Amino acid sequence: MTDDTAGSGSGAVTFERDIRPLFRDRDIGSMSATFDLSNYDDVRENAERIYGRVADGSMPCDGAWPPENIELLRRWIDGGALP
């Protein structure tokens, strides 16, 4: 199992504290026809698709995430996608 401590603190990576803030209002609006990036259940259900898009740089549409954000999303998924 991977280390699941958040970069800016300790404890498991959670959607509310660590992942939700990565999605800007613009990102949420851009993806609203597909899923709701502000909604835990939608992000959890589509986590691998979202990861694939941020990892290949095609999401968000206005520029790639920094590697540490991509890794944080991967750790959240691998750590059980906690709320």
C-alpha atoms as a PDB file:
ATOM      1  CA  MET A   1       0.000   0.000   0.000  1.00  0.00           C
ATOM      2  CA  THR A   2       1.224   3.503  -0.793  1.00  0.00           C
ATOM      3  CA  ASP A   3       1.877   6.257   1.716  1.00  0.00           C
ATOM      4  CA  ASP A   4      -1.455   8.024   2.041  1.00  0.00           C
ATOM      5  CA  THR A   5      -0.444  11.149   3.864  1.00  0.00           C
ATOM      6  CA  ALA A   6      -1.348  14.415   2.213  1.00  0.00           C
ATOM      7  CA  GLY A   7       1.529  16.639   1.179  1.00  0.00           C
ATOM      8  CA  SER A   8       0.367  19.591   3.255  1.00  0.00           C
ATOM      9  CA  GLY A   9      -0.580  17.645   6.363  1.00  0.00           C
ATOM     10  CA  SER A  10      -0.989  14.158   7.680  1.00  0.00           C
ATOM     11  CA  GLY A  11      -3.720  11.579   7.389  1.00  0.00           C
ATOM     12  CA  ALA A  12      -5.530   9.913   4.552  1.00  0.00           C
ATOM     13  CA  VAL A  13      -6.172  11.809   1.337  1.00  0.00           C
ATOM     14  CA  THR A  14      -9.837  12.829   1.267  1.00  0.00           C
ATOM     15  CA  PHE A  15     -12.106  14.270  -1.391  1.00  0.00           C
ATOM     16  CA  GLU A  16     -13.325  17.234   0.639  1.00  0.00           C
ATOM     17  CA  ARG A  17      -9.955  18.358   1.970  1.00  0.00           C
ATOM     18  CA  ASP A  18      -7.543  17.374  -0.786  1.00  0.00           C
ATOM     19  CA  ILE A  19      -9.259  16.564  -4.087  1.00  0.00           C
ATOM     20  CA  ARG A  20     -12.270  18.864  -4.376  1.00  0.00           C
ATOM     21  CA  PRO A  21     -10.094  22.017  -4.118  1.00  0.00           C
ATOM     22  CA  LEU A  22      -8.128  20.871  -7.182  1.00  0.00           C
ATOM     23  CA  PHE A  23     -11.196  21.389  -9.387  1.00  0.00           C
ATOM     24  CA  ARG A  24     -11.830  25.051 -10.169  1.00  0.00           C
ATOM     25  CA  ASP A  25     -15.304  26.415 -10.905  1.00  0.00           C
ATOM     26  CA  ARG A  26     -14.253  26.631 -14.561  1.00  0.00           C
ATOM     27  CA  ASP A  27     -13.350  22.912 -14.582  1.00  0.00           C
ATOM     28  CA  ILE A  28     -16.653  22.001 -12.952  1.00  0.00           C
ATOM     29  CA  GLY A  29     -18.582  24.013 -15.529  1.00  0.00           C
ATOM     30  CA  SER A  30     -16.621  22.549 -18.453  1.00  0.00           C
ATOM     31  CA  MET A  31     -17.326  18.970 -17.386  1.00  0.00           C
ATOM     32  CA  SER A  32     -20.903  19.417 -16.137  1.00  0.00           C
ATOM     33  CA  ALA A  33     -22.456  17.625 -19.129  1.00  0.00           C
ATOM     34  CA  THR A  34     -20.384  14.516 -18.327  1.00  0.00           C
ATOM     35  CA  PHE A  35     -20.141  14.493 -14.516  1.00  0.00           C
ATOM     36  CA  ASP A  36     -20.027  16.867 -11.571  1.00  0.00           C
ATOM     37  CA  LEU A  37     -16.469  17.456 -10.402  1.00  0.00           C
ATOM     38  CA  SER A  38     -17.782  19.062  -7.219  1.00  0.00           C
ATOM     39  CA  ASN A  39     -19.721  15.920  -6.283  1.00  0.00           C
ATOM     40  CA  TYR A  40     -17.906  13.181  -4.367  1.00  0.00           C
ATOM     41  CA  ASP A  41     -19.991  10.338  -5.815  1.00  0.00           C
ATOM     42  CA  ASP A  42     -19.525  11.503  -9.412  1.00  0.00           C
ATOM     43  CA  VAL A  43     -15.782  11.925  -8.989  1.00  0.00           C
ATOM     44  CA  ARG A  44     -15.419   8.576  -7.197  1.00  0.00           C
ATOM     45  CA  GLU A  45     -17.407   6.755  -9.903  1.00  0.00           C
ATOM     46  CA  ASN A  46     -15.347   8.378 -12.670  1.00  0.00           C
ATOM     47  CA  ALA A  47     -12.024   8.569 -10.852  1.00  0.00           C
ATOM     48  CA  GLU A  48     -10.006   6.461 -13.292  1.00  0.00           C
ATOM     49  CA  ARG A  49     -11.368   8.372 -16.305  1.00  0.00           C
ATOM     50  CA  ILE A  50     -10.590  11.673 -14.603  1.00  0.00           C
ATOM     51  CA  TYR A  51      -7.125  10.458 -13.639  1.00  0.00           C
ATOM     52  CA  GLY A  52      -6.424   9.370 -17.215  1.00  0.00           C
ATOM     53  CA  ARG A  53      -7.362  12.796 -18.524  1.00  0.00           C
ATOM     54  CA  VAL A  54      -5.340  14.791 -15.998  1.00  0.00           C
ATOM     55  CA  ALA A  55      -2.381  12.422 -16.351  1.00  0.00           C
ATOM     56  CA  ASP A  56      -2.282  12.828 -20.146  1.00  0.00           C
ATOM     57  CA  GLY A  57      -2.733  16.608 -19.855  1.00  0.00           C
ATOM     58  CA  SER A  58      -6.055  16.784 -21.718  1.00  0.00           C
ATOM     59  CA  MET A  59      -7.909  17.958 -18.615  1.00  0.00           C
ATOM     60  CA  PRO A  60      -8.288  20.699 -17.604  1.00  0.00           C
ATOM     61  CA  CYS A  61      -8.642  22.157 -21.070  1.00  0.00           C
ATOM     62  CA  ASP A  62      -6.591  25.267 -20.350  1.00  0.00           C
ATOM     63  CA  GLY A  63      -3.426  23.542 -19.134  1.00  0.00           C
ATOM     64  CA  ALA A  64      -2.071  20.451 -17.458  1.00  0.00           C
ATOM     65  CA  TRP A  65      -2.052  19.902 -13.713  1.00  0.00           C
ATOM     66  CA  PRO A  66       1.305  19.972 -11.960  1.00  0.00           C
ATOM     67  CA  PRO A  67       2.701  16.491 -11.248  1.00  0.00           C
ATOM     68  CA  GLU A  68       2.049  16.783  -7.498  1.00  0.00           C
ATOM     69  CA  ASN A  69      -1.701  17.256  -8.102  1.00  0.00           C
ATOM     70  CA  ILE A  70      -1.809  14.259 -10.426  1.00  0.00           C
ATOM     71  CA  GLU A  71      -0.008  12.174  -7.800  1.00  0.00           C
ATOM     72  CA  LEU A  72      -2.412  13.379  -5.095  1.00  0.00           C
ATOM     73  CA  LEU A  73      -5.382  12.240  -7.184  1.00  0.00           C
ATOM     74  CA  ARG A  74      -3.694   8.851  -7.736  1.00  0.00           C
ATOM     75  CA  ARG A  75      -3.064   8.498  -3.998  1.00  0.00           C
ATOM     76  CA  TRP A  76      -6.711   9.339  -3.279  1.00  0.00           C
ATOM     77  CA  ILE A  77      -7.891   6.652  -5.706  1.00  0.00           C
ATOM     78  CA  ASP A  78      -5.395   4.058  -4.456  1.00  0.00           C
ATOM     79  CA  GLY A  79      -6.208   4.923  -0.836  1.00  0.00           C
ATOM     80  CA  GLY A  80      -9.885   4.030  -1.236  1.00  0.00           C
ATOM     81  CA  ALA A  81     -11.280   7.325  -2.586  1.00  0.00           C
ATOM     82  CA  LEU A  82     -12.331   8.547   0.850  1.00  0.00           C
ATOM     83  CA  PRO A  83     -14.979  11.240   1.153  1.00  0.00           C
END
